[in-house]
Amino acid sequence: MKILLTNDDGITAPGIAALYGAIRTLGEIVVIAPAGVQSAMSHGITFHRPLMTRELQVNSQMQGLSVEGTPADCVKLGLRTIWAERFGAGSKPDLVISGMNCGANVGINVIYSGTVAAAIEAAFLGVPAIAVSLHIGDSTRIAWDRAAEIARVAIDRVIAHPLDAHRVMSINVPRTESSDAPMPSLRVVRMNTSAGIDRHERRESPEGRAYYWPTGNGMEFFHTAEGSDVEALIERHVTITPLWYDLTDDASLAAWQKRLH
């Protein structure tokens, strides 16, 4: 199996290194990831400047291609150009994995997430993808390697079943603060769709201009639906959510066709 591994925290982030270590026995892992932090970039792509790249030895195990672009850029460049250069025209990886993100991607955070966007870009282009995120919360200790081991169990459970070429699966690992943390149970759940509770603190610059500093933690929502990804993750389960990138509201399509005929 050939896997493209990317993320949105940057190629030198601890999450991608830990996940690489956990999945390297799955097959040949090719790392193509942003040069720096691209969190909350959603599905942004680059048009007006070149995507500079550099081969980087991240640690004793992992090396990869650093790209001065967004997570979606990395996957688009990887699948459309780099993969063919390395493996031949028309070739594609068997799977794209994005993560492990430093922070949960549940609820509407899925919309903002660069981690999820990278996985969705792969699905656009016909390669099944898995996004992996870790709930940090207010933890002062993060057992990255153990979290990655937990993620690997979830990944194995997912890929044991056939994945459609355009399938996106989002995995969230609950807070993992010790190397001997037990394996949580898995829950297949839907995305919570309530708006987040965002706060902005008003401040003033030295020259007297007002500015606003975001102070929300990303995990507070006006409502948490029963059986949702937010509820399950807070209860310390591994959450697995199938995602789909077609935003059409099929339930109202016929009604609007009649109204505007």
C-alpha atoms as a PDB file:
ATOM      1  CA  MET A   1       0.000   0.000   0.000  1.00  0.00           C
ATOM      2  CA  LYS A   2       1.226   3.484  -0.888  1.00  0.00           C
ATOM      3  CA  ILE A   3       0.053   6.307   1.375  1.00  0.00           C
ATOM      4  CA  LEU A   4       0.416  10.061   1.077  1.00  0.00           C
ATOM      5  CA  LEU A   5       0.707  11.589   4.570  1.00  0.00           C
ATOM      6  CA  THR A   6       0.067  15.296   5.114  1.00  0.00           C
ATOM      7  CA  ASN A   7      -1.191  17.654   7.828  1.00  0.00           C
ATOM      8  CA  ASP A   8      -1.998  21.291   8.575  1.00  0.00           C
ATOM      9  CA  ASP A   9       0.284  21.915  11.574  1.00  0.00           C
ATOM     10  CA  GLY A  10       3.392  21.810   9.408  1.00  0.00           C
ATOM     11  CA  ILE A  11       5.837  19.092   8.468  1.00  0.00           C
ATOM     12  CA  THR A  12       7.865  19.459  11.685  1.00  0.00           C
ATOM     13  CA  ALA A  13       4.844  19.217  14.023  1.00  0.00           C
ATOM     14  CA  PRO A  14       4.866  16.405  16.620  1.00  0.00           C
ATOM     15  CA  GLY A  15       1.519  15.012  15.459  1.00  0.00           C
ATOM     16  CA  ILE A  16       2.604  14.080  11.949  1.00  0.00           C
ATOM     17  CA  ALA A  17       5.838  12.506  13.235  1.00  0.00           C
ATOM     18  CA  ALA A  18       3.922  10.410  15.771  1.00  0.00           C
ATOM     19  CA  LEU A  19       1.368   9.315  13.188  1.00  0.00           C
ATOM     20  CA  TYR A  20       4.126   8.447  10.714  1.00  0.00           C
ATOM     21  CA  GLY A  21       5.675   6.206  13.353  1.00  0.00           C
ATOM     22  CA  ALA A  22       2.346   4.490  13.985  1.00  0.00           C
ATOM     23  CA  ILE A  23       1.413   3.850  10.348  1.00  0.00           C
ATOM     24  CA  ARG A  24       4.783   3.171   8.729  1.00  0.00           C
ATOM     25  CA  THR A  25       4.169  -0.591   8.747  1.00  0.00           C
ATOM     26  CA  LEU A  26       1.076  -0.122   6.564  1.00  0.00           C
ATOM     27  CA  GLY A  27       3.232   0.326   3.474  1.00  0.00           C
ATOM     28  CA  GLU A  28       5.248   3.003   1.694  1.00  0.00           C
ATOM     29  CA  ILE A  29       4.571   6.381   3.294  1.00  0.00           C
ATOM     30  CA  VAL A  30       5.256   9.526   1.261  1.00  0.00           C
ATOM     31  CA  VAL A  31       5.149  12.733   3.301  1.00  0.00           C
ATOM     32  CA  ILE A  32       4.096  15.942   1.541  1.00  0.00           C
ATOM     33  CA  ALA A  33       3.147  18.595   4.085  1.00  0.00           C
ATOM     34  CA  PRO A  34       3.099  22.358   4.634  1.00  0.00           C
ATOM     35  CA  ALA A  35       6.346  24.102   5.542  1.00  0.00           C
ATOM     36  CA  GLY A  36       4.659  25.852   8.481  1.00  0.00           C
ATOM     37  CA  VAL A  37       1.470  26.026  10.499  1.00  0.00           C
ATOM     38  CA  GLN A  38      -1.667  26.215   8.333  1.00  0.00           C
ATOM     39  CA  SER A  39      -4.324  25.584  10.984  1.00  0.00           C
ATOM     40  CA  ALA A  40      -7.895  26.711  10.212  1.00  0.00           C
ATOM     41  CA  MET A  41      -6.990  27.363   6.560  1.00  0.00           C
ATOM     42  CA  SER A  42     -10.016  25.326   5.532  1.00  0.00           C
ATOM     43  CA  HIS A  43      -9.857  24.559   1.802  1.00  0.00           C
ATOM     44  CA  GLY A  44      -7.745  27.522   0.733  1.00  0.00           C
ATOM     45  CA  ILE A  45      -5.455  27.002  -2.246  1.00  0.00           C
ATOM     46  CA  THR A  46      -2.653  29.123  -3.717  1.00  0.00           C
ATOM     47  CA  PHE A  47      -2.933  30.844  -7.096  1.00  0.00           C
ATOM     48  CA  HIS A  48      -0.709  33.931  -7.130  1.00  0.00           C
ATOM     49  CA  ARG A  49       2.659  32.669  -5.929  1.00  0.00           C
ATOM     50  CA  PRO A  50       4.782  29.587  -6.558  1.00  0.00           C
ATOM     51  CA  LEU A  51       4.656  26.558  -4.288  1.00  0.00           C
ATOM     52  CA  MET A  52       8.268  26.362  -3.186  1.00  0.00           C
ATOM     53  CA  THR A  53       9.338  22.884  -2.036  1.00  0.00           C
ATOM     54  CA  ARG A  54      12.236  21.402  -0.103  1.00  0.00           C
ATOM     55  CA  GLU A  55      13.185  17.840   0.829  1.00  0.00           C
ATOM     56  CA  LEU A  56      13.470  17.696   4.612  1.00  0.00           C
ATOM     57  CA  GLN A  57      14.806  15.087   7.033  1.00  0.00           C
ATOM     58  CA  VAL A  58      12.407  15.669   9.926  1.00  0.00           C
ATOM     59  CA  ASN A  59      13.807  13.044  12.308  1.00  0.00           C
ATOM     60  CA  SER A  60      15.699   9.768  12.183  1.00  0.00           C
ATOM     61  CA  GLN A  61      12.647   7.984  10.746  1.00  0.00           C
ATOM     62  CA  MET A  62      10.722  10.535   8.706  1.00  0.00           C
ATOM     63  CA  GLN A  63      11.651  12.618   5.733  1.00  0.00           C
ATOM     64  CA  GLY A  64       9.334  14.372   3.357  1.00  0.00           C
ATOM     65  CA  LEU A  65       8.624  17.203   0.973  1.00  0.00           C
ATOM     66  CA  SER A  66       8.017  20.564   2.637  1.00  0.00           C
ATOM     67  CA  VAL A  67       5.635  22.763   0.620  1.00  0.00           C
ATOM     68  CA  GLU A  68       5.156  26.507   1.119  1.00  0.00           C
ATOM     69  CA  GLY A  69       1.410  26.248   0.699  1.00  0.00           C
ATOM     70  CA  THR A  70      -1.818  25.121   2.301  1.00  0.00           C
ATOM     71  CA  PRO A  71      -2.850  21.570   3.195  1.00  0.00           C
ATOM     72  CA  ALA A  72      -5.096  21.421   0.114  1.00  0.00           C
ATOM     73  CA  ASP A  73      -2.156  22.677  -1.988  1.00  0.00           C
ATOM     74  CA  CYS A  74      -0.007  19.828  -0.674  1.00  0.00           C
ATOM     75  CA  VAL A  75      -2.520  17.184  -1.696  1.00  0.00           C
ATOM     76  CA  LYS A  76      -3.332  18.797  -5.033  1.00  0.00           C
ATOM     77  CA  LEU A  77       0.367  19.123  -5.887  1.00  0.00           C
ATOM     78  CA  GLY A  78       1.093  15.663  -4.546  1.00  0.00           C
ATOM     79  CA  LEU A  79      -1.616  13.832  -6.452  1.00  0.00           C
ATOM     80  CA  ARG A  80      -1.480  15.773  -9.703  1.00  0.00           C
ATOM     81  CA  THR A  81       2.276  16.218 -10.097  1.00  0.00           C
ATOM     82  CA  ILE A  82       4.663  14.815  -7.470  1.00  0.00           C
ATOM     83  CA  TRP A  83       3.170  11.316  -7.447  1.00  0.00           C
ATOM     84  CA  ALA A  84       3.552  10.974 -11.212  1.00  0.00           C
ATOM     85  CA  GLU A  85       7.139  12.213 -11.014  1.00  0.00           C
ATOM     86  CA  ARG A  86       7.990   9.567  -8.444  1.00  0.00           C
ATOM     87  CA  PHE A  87       5.857   6.604  -9.474  1.00  0.00           C
ATOM     88  CA  GLY A  88       4.941   7.146 -13.117  1.00  0.00           C
ATOM     89  CA  ALA A  89       2.224   8.818 -15.132  1.00  0.00           C
ATOM     90  CA  GLY A  90      -1.315   7.963 -14.066  1.00  0.00           C
ATOM     91  CA  SER A  91      -0.296   6.549 -10.686  1.00  0.00           C
ATOM     92  CA  LYS A  92      -2.041   7.474  -7.450  1.00  0.00           C
ATOM     93  CA  PRO A  93      -1.612   6.508  -3.808  1.00  0.00           C
ATOM     94  CA  ASP A  94      -3.966   3.942  -2.355  1.00  0.00           C
ATOM     95  CA  LEU A  95      -4.842   6.228   0.539  1.00  0.00           C
ATOM     96  CA  VAL A  96      -4.261   9.760   1.821  1.00  0.00           C
ATOM     97  CA  ILE A  97      -3.990  10.330   5.571  1.00  0.00           C
ATOM     98  CA  SER A  98      -4.046  13.851   7.001  1.00  0.00           C
ATOM     99  CA  GLY A  99      -2.907  14.482  10.567  1.00  0.00           C
ATOM    100  CA  MET A 100      -2.477  13.955  13.386  1.00  0.00           C
ATOM    101  CA  ASN A 101      -3.843  17.414  14.097  1.00  0.00           C
ATOM    102  CA  CYS A 102      -3.091  19.223  17.364  1.00  0.00           C
ATOM    103  CA  GLY A 103      -6.712  19.826  18.312  1.00  0.00           C
ATOM    104  CA  ALA A 104     -10.073  18.209  17.677  1.00  0.00           C
ATOM    105  CA  ASN A 105     -11.956  18.592  14.409  1.00  0.00           C
ATOM    106  CA  VAL A 106     -15.539  17.922  15.419  1.00  0.00           C
ATOM    107  CA  GLY A 107     -18.739  19.893  14.924  1.00  0.00           C
ATOM    108  CA  ILE A 108     -18.455  22.937  12.681  1.00  0.00           C
ATOM    109  CA  ASN A 109     -14.687  22.913  13.166  1.00  0.00           C
ATOM    110  CA  VAL A 110     -14.755  20.410  10.303  1.00  0.00           C
ATOM    111  CA  ILE A 111     -15.607  23.337   7.998  1.00  0.00           C
ATOM    112  CA  TYR A 112     -12.615  25.404   9.138  1.00  0.00           C
ATOM    113  CA  SER A 113     -10.127  22.566   9.368  1.00  0.00           C
ATOM    114  CA  GLY A 114      -7.097  22.403   7.101  1.00  0.00           C
ATOM    115  CA  THR A 115      -6.605  18.804   8.218  1.00  0.00           C
ATOM    116  CA  VAL A 116     -10.030  17.802   6.950  1.00  0.00           C
ATOM    117  CA  ALA A 117      -9.644  19.950   3.820  1.00  0.00           C
ATOM    118  CA  ALA A 118      -6.535  18.017   2.829  1.00  0.00           C
ATOM    119  CA  ALA A 119      -8.489  14.771   3.091  1.00  0.00           C
ATOM    120  CA  ILE A 120     -11.386  16.234   1.112  1.00  0.00           C
ATOM    121  CA  GLU A 121      -9.001  17.397  -1.623  1.00  0.00           C
ATOM    122  CA  ALA A 122      -7.813  13.814  -1.997  1.00  0.00           C
ATOM    123  CA  ALA A 123     -11.400  12.611  -2.279  1.00  0.00           C
ATOM    124  CA  PHE A 124     -12.084  15.254  -4.963  1.00  0.00           C
ATOM    125  CA  LEU A 125      -9.262  13.697  -6.942  1.00  0.00           C
ATOM    126  CA  GLY A 126     -10.390  10.122  -6.497  1.00  0.00           C
ATOM    127  CA  VAL A 127      -8.263   8.847  -3.619  1.00  0.00           C
ATOM    128  CA  PRO A 128      -9.950   7.720  -0.369  1.00  0.00           C
ATOM    129  CA  ALA A 129      -8.771   9.717   2.615  1.00  0.00           C
ATOM    130  CA  ILE A 130      -8.716   9.738   6.402  1.00  0.00           C
ATOM    131  CA  ALA A 131      -8.347  12.842   8.576  1.00  0.00           C
ATOM    132  CA  VAL A 132      -6.934  12.248  12.067  1.00  0.00           C
ATOM    133  CA  SER A 133      -7.202  14.778  14.904  1.00  0.00           C
ATOM    134  CA  LEU A 134      -6.371  14.734  18.619  1.00  0.00           C
ATOM    135  CA  HIS A 135      -8.455  16.515  21.247  1.00  0.00           C
ATOM    136  CA  ILE A 136      -6.054  18.588  23.318  1.00  0.00           C
ATOM    137  CA  GLY A 137      -8.448  20.492  25.570  1.00  0.00           C
ATOM    138  CA  ASP A 138      -6.625  22.029  28.526  1.00  0.00           C
ATOM    139  CA  SER A 139      -4.126  19.187  28.731  1.00  0.00           C
ATOM    140  CA  THR A 140      -0.635  20.169  29.802  1.00  0.00           C
ATOM    141  CA  ARG A 141       0.731  16.758  28.807  1.00  0.00           C
ATOM    142  CA  ILE A 142       0.232  15.168  25.404  1.00  0.00           C
ATOM    143  CA  ALA A 143       1.235  11.553  24.843  1.00  0.00           C
ATOM    144  CA  TRP A 144       1.649  11.872  21.084  1.00  0.00           C
ATOM    145  CA  ASP A 145       2.956   8.368  20.473  1.00  0.00           C
ATOM    146  CA  ARG A 146       0.149   6.735  22.452  1.00  0.00           C
ATOM    147  CA  ALA A 147      -2.441   8.910  20.700  1.00  0.00           C
ATOM    148  CA  ALA A 148      -0.987   7.821  17.366  1.00  0.00           C
ATOM    149  CA  GLU A 149      -1.208   4.163  18.428  1.00  0.00           C
ATOM    150  CA  ILE A 150      -4.880   4.693  19.237  1.00  0.00           C
ATOM    151  CA  ALA A 151      -5.371   6.401  15.869  1.00  0.00           C
ATOM    152  CA  ARG A 152      -3.705   3.431  14.135  1.00  0.00           C
ATOM    153  CA  VAL A 153      -6.234   1.044  15.693  1.00  0.00           C
ATOM    154  CA  ALA A 154      -9.064   3.223  14.343  1.00  0.00           C
ATOM    155  CA  ILE A 155      -7.412   3.478  10.924  1.00  0.00           C
ATOM    156  CA  ASP A 156      -7.027  -0.299  10.770  1.00  0.00           C
ATOM    157  CA  ARG A 157     -10.698  -0.731  11.615  1.00  0.00           C
ATOM    158  CA  VAL A 158     -11.682   1.669   8.832  1.00  0.00           C
ATOM    159  CA  ILE A 159      -9.443   0.322   6.066  1.00  0.00           C
ATOM    160  CA  ALA A 160     -10.468  -3.259   6.837  1.00  0.00           C
ATOM    161  CA  HIS A 161     -13.523  -2.343   4.761  1.00  0.00           C
ATOM    162  CA  PRO A 162     -13.536  -1.202   1.123  1.00  0.00           C
ATOM    163  CA  LEU A 163     -13.364   2.580   0.769  1.00  0.00           C
ATOM    164  CA  ASP A 164     -14.918   4.308  -2.209  1.00  0.00           C
ATOM    165  CA  ALA A 165     -12.418   6.395  -4.198  1.00  0.00           C
ATOM    166  CA  HIS A 166     -14.182   9.588  -3.064  1.00  0.00           C
ATOM    167  CA  ARG A 167     -14.682   8.623   0.578  1.00  0.00           C
ATOM    168  CA  VAL A 168     -13.542  10.831   3.464  1.00  0.00           C
ATOM    169  CA  MET A 169     -13.427   9.480   7.021  1.00  0.00           C
ATOM    170  CA  SER A 170     -12.728  11.791   9.948  1.00  0.00           C
ATOM    171  CA  ILE A 171     -11.201  10.252  13.098  1.00  0.00           C
ATOM    172  CA  ASN A 172     -10.879  12.135  16.393  1.00  0.00           C
ATOM    173  CA  VAL A 173      -8.845  10.726  19.263  1.00  0.00           C
ATOM    174  CA  PRO A 174      -9.825  11.843  22.782  1.00  0.00           C
ATOM    175  CA  ARG A 175      -7.371  13.514  25.159  1.00  0.00           C
ATOM    176  CA  THR A 176      -4.397  11.209  25.642  1.00  0.00           C
ATOM    177  CA  GLU A 177      -2.155  12.312  28.487  1.00  0.00           C
ATOM    178  CA  SER A 178      -0.120   9.224  29.359  1.00  0.00           C
ATOM    179  CA  SER A 179       1.787   6.556  27.495  1.00  0.00           C
ATOM    180  CA  ASP A 180      -0.307   3.828  29.110  1.00  0.00           C
ATOM    181  CA  ALA A 181      -3.699   5.379  28.377  1.00  0.00           C
ATOM    182  CA  PRO A 182      -6.248   2.612  27.671  1.00  0.00           C
ATOM    183  CA  MET A 183      -7.718   2.096  24.229  1.00  0.00           C
ATOM    184  CA  PRO A 184     -11.010   4.023  24.098  1.00  0.00           C
ATOM    185  CA  SER A 185     -14.099   2.581  22.467  1.00  0.00           C
ATOM    186  CA  LEU A 186     -14.981   3.673  18.936  1.00  0.00           C
ATOM    187  CA  ARG A 187     -18.171   5.505  18.026  1.00  0.00           C
ATOM    188  CA  VAL A 188     -19.447   6.139  14.491  1.00  0.00           C
ATOM    189  CA  VAL A 189     -21.289   9.433  14.848  1.00  0.00           C
ATOM    190  CA  ARG A 190     -22.636  12.344  12.863  1.00  0.00           C
ATOM    191  CA  MET A 191     -21.232  15.863  12.828  1.00  0.00           C
ATOM    192  CA  ASN A 192     -22.661  18.305  15.374  1.00  0.00           C
ATOM    193  CA  THR A 193     -24.002  21.297  13.412  1.00  0.00           C
ATOM    194  CA  SER A 194     -24.523  23.914  16.104  1.00  0.00           C
ATOM    195  CA  ALA A 195     -22.552  27.151  15.854  1.00  0.00           C
ATOM    196  CA  GLY A 196     -19.521  27.549  18.049  1.00  0.00           C
ATOM    197  CA  ILE A 197     -19.382  30.042  20.884  1.00  0.00           C
ATOM    198  CA  ASP A 198     -16.644  32.402  19.723  1.00  0.00           C
ATOM    199  CA  ARG A 199     -15.336  35.336  21.722  1.00  0.00           C
ATOM    200  CA  HIS A 200     -13.215  38.302  20.694  1.00  0.00           C
ATOM    201  CA  GLU A 201     -11.488  40.486  23.262  1.00  0.00           C
ATOM    202  CA  ARG A 202     -11.244  44.159  22.298  1.00  0.00           C
ATOM    203  CA  ARG A 203      -7.790  45.622  22.696  1.00  0.00           C
ATOM    204  CA  GLU A 204      -6.016  48.774  21.600  1.00  0.00           C
ATOM    205  CA  SER A 205      -2.726  49.098  19.774  1.00  0.00           C
ATOM    206  CA  PRO A 206      -0.036  51.601  20.908  1.00  0.00           C
ATOM    207  CA  GLU A 207      -1.165  54.021  18.207  1.00  0.00           C
ATOM    208  CA  GLY A 208      -4.764  53.838  19.414  1.00  0.00           C
ATOM    209  CA  ARG A 209      -6.283  51.467  16.839  1.00  0.00           C
ATOM    210  CA  ALA A 210      -8.813  48.915  18.047  1.00  0.00           C
ATOM    211  CA  TYR A 211      -8.150  45.257  17.389  1.00  0.00           C
ATOM    212  CA  TYR A 212      -9.866  42.055  18.468  1.00  0.00           C
ATOM    213  CA  TRP A 213      -8.132  38.947  19.812  1.00  0.00           C
ATOM    214  CA  PRO A 214      -9.980  35.612  19.412  1.00  0.00           C
ATOM    215  CA  THR A 215     -10.327  33.919  22.817  1.00  0.00           C
ATOM    216  CA  GLY A 216     -12.631  30.945  22.134  1.00  0.00           C
ATOM    217  CA  ASN A 217     -11.288  27.433  22.685  1.00  0.00           C
ATOM    218  CA  GLY A 218     -12.983  25.872  19.659  1.00  0.00           C
ATOM    219  CA  MET A 219     -14.879  23.264  21.678  1.00  0.00           C
ATOM    220  CA  GLU A 220     -17.790  25.306  23.024  1.00  0.00           C
ATOM    221  CA  PHE A 221     -21.037  25.116  21.060  1.00  0.00           C
ATOM    222  CA  PHE A 222     -24.501  26.585  21.503  1.00  0.00           C
ATOM    223  CA  HIS A 223     -25.911  23.071  21.388  1.00  0.00           C
ATOM    224  CA  THR A 224     -24.449  19.577  21.479  1.00  0.00           C
ATOM    225  CA  ALA A 225     -26.707  17.057  19.794  1.00  0.00           C
ATOM    226  CA  GLU A 226     -27.195  13.642  21.310  1.00  0.00           C
ATOM    227  CA  GLY A 227     -25.211  11.053  19.388  1.00  0.00           C
ATOM    228  CA  SER A 228     -22.971  13.660  17.762  1.00  0.00           C
ATOM    229  CA  ASP A 229     -19.194  13.737  17.362  1.00  0.00           C
ATOM    230  CA  VAL A 230     -18.869  16.482  19.977  1.00  0.00           C
ATOM    231  CA  GLU A 231     -20.775  14.518  22.606  1.00  0.00           C
ATOM    232  CA  ALA A 232     -18.844  11.293  21.943  1.00  0.00           C
ATOM    233  CA  LEU A 233     -15.425  12.966  22.002  1.00  0.00           C
ATOM    234  CA  ILE A 234     -16.155  14.783  25.263  1.00  0.00           C
ATOM    235  CA  GLU A 235     -17.140  11.396  26.704  1.00  0.00           C
ATOM    236  CA  ARG A 236     -13.637  10.204  25.712  1.00  0.00           C
ATOM    237  CA  HIS A 237     -14.553   7.932  22.794  1.00  0.00           C
ATOM    238  CA  VAL A 238     -12.714   7.779  19.478  1.00  0.00           C
ATOM    239  CA  THR A 239     -15.101   9.326  16.982  1.00  0.00           C
ATOM    240  CA  ILE A 240     -15.390   8.240  13.349  1.00  0.00           C
ATOM    241  CA  THR A 241     -17.503  10.325  10.984  1.00  0.00           C
ATOM    242  CA  PRO A 242     -17.997   9.686   7.245  1.00  0.00           C
ATOM    243  CA  LEU A 243     -17.910  13.043   5.410  1.00  0.00           C
ATOM    244  CA  TRP A 244     -19.092  14.089   1.973  1.00  0.00           C
ATOM    245  CA  TYR A 245     -18.084  17.179   0.015  1.00  0.00           C
ATOM    246  CA  ASP A 246     -21.270  17.673  -2.044  1.00  0.00           C
ATOM    247  CA  LEU A 247     -22.939  20.624  -0.282  1.00  0.00           C
ATOM    248  CA  THR A 248     -26.175  20.439  -2.264  1.00  0.00           C
ATOM    249  CA  ASP A 249     -29.291  20.486  -0.070  1.00  0.00           C
ATOM    250  CA  ASP A 250     -31.056  17.623  -1.832  1.00  0.00           C
ATOM    251  CA  ALA A 251     -34.091  17.838   0.449  1.00  0.00           C
ATOM    252  CA  SER A 252     -34.984  21.310  -0.865  1.00  0.00           C
ATOM    253  CA  LEU A 253     -33.770  20.942  -4.457  1.00  0.00           C
ATOM    254  CA  ALA A 254     -37.100  19.861  -5.985  1.00  0.00           C
ATOM    255  CA  ALA A 255     -39.028  22.562  -4.134  1.00  0.00           C
ATOM    256  CA  TRP A 256     -36.729  25.289  -5.431  1.00  0.00           C
ATOM    257  CA  GLN A 257     -36.873  23.885  -8.970  1.00  0.00           C
ATOM    258  CA  LYS A 258     -40.654  24.248  -8.841  1.00  0.00           C
ATOM    259  CA  ARG A 259     -40.530  27.731  -7.315  1.00  0.00           C
ATOM    260  CA  LEU A 260     -38.086  29.089  -9.869  1.00  0.00           C
ATOM    261  CA  HIS A 261     -39.280  27.215 -12.952  1.00  0.00           C
END
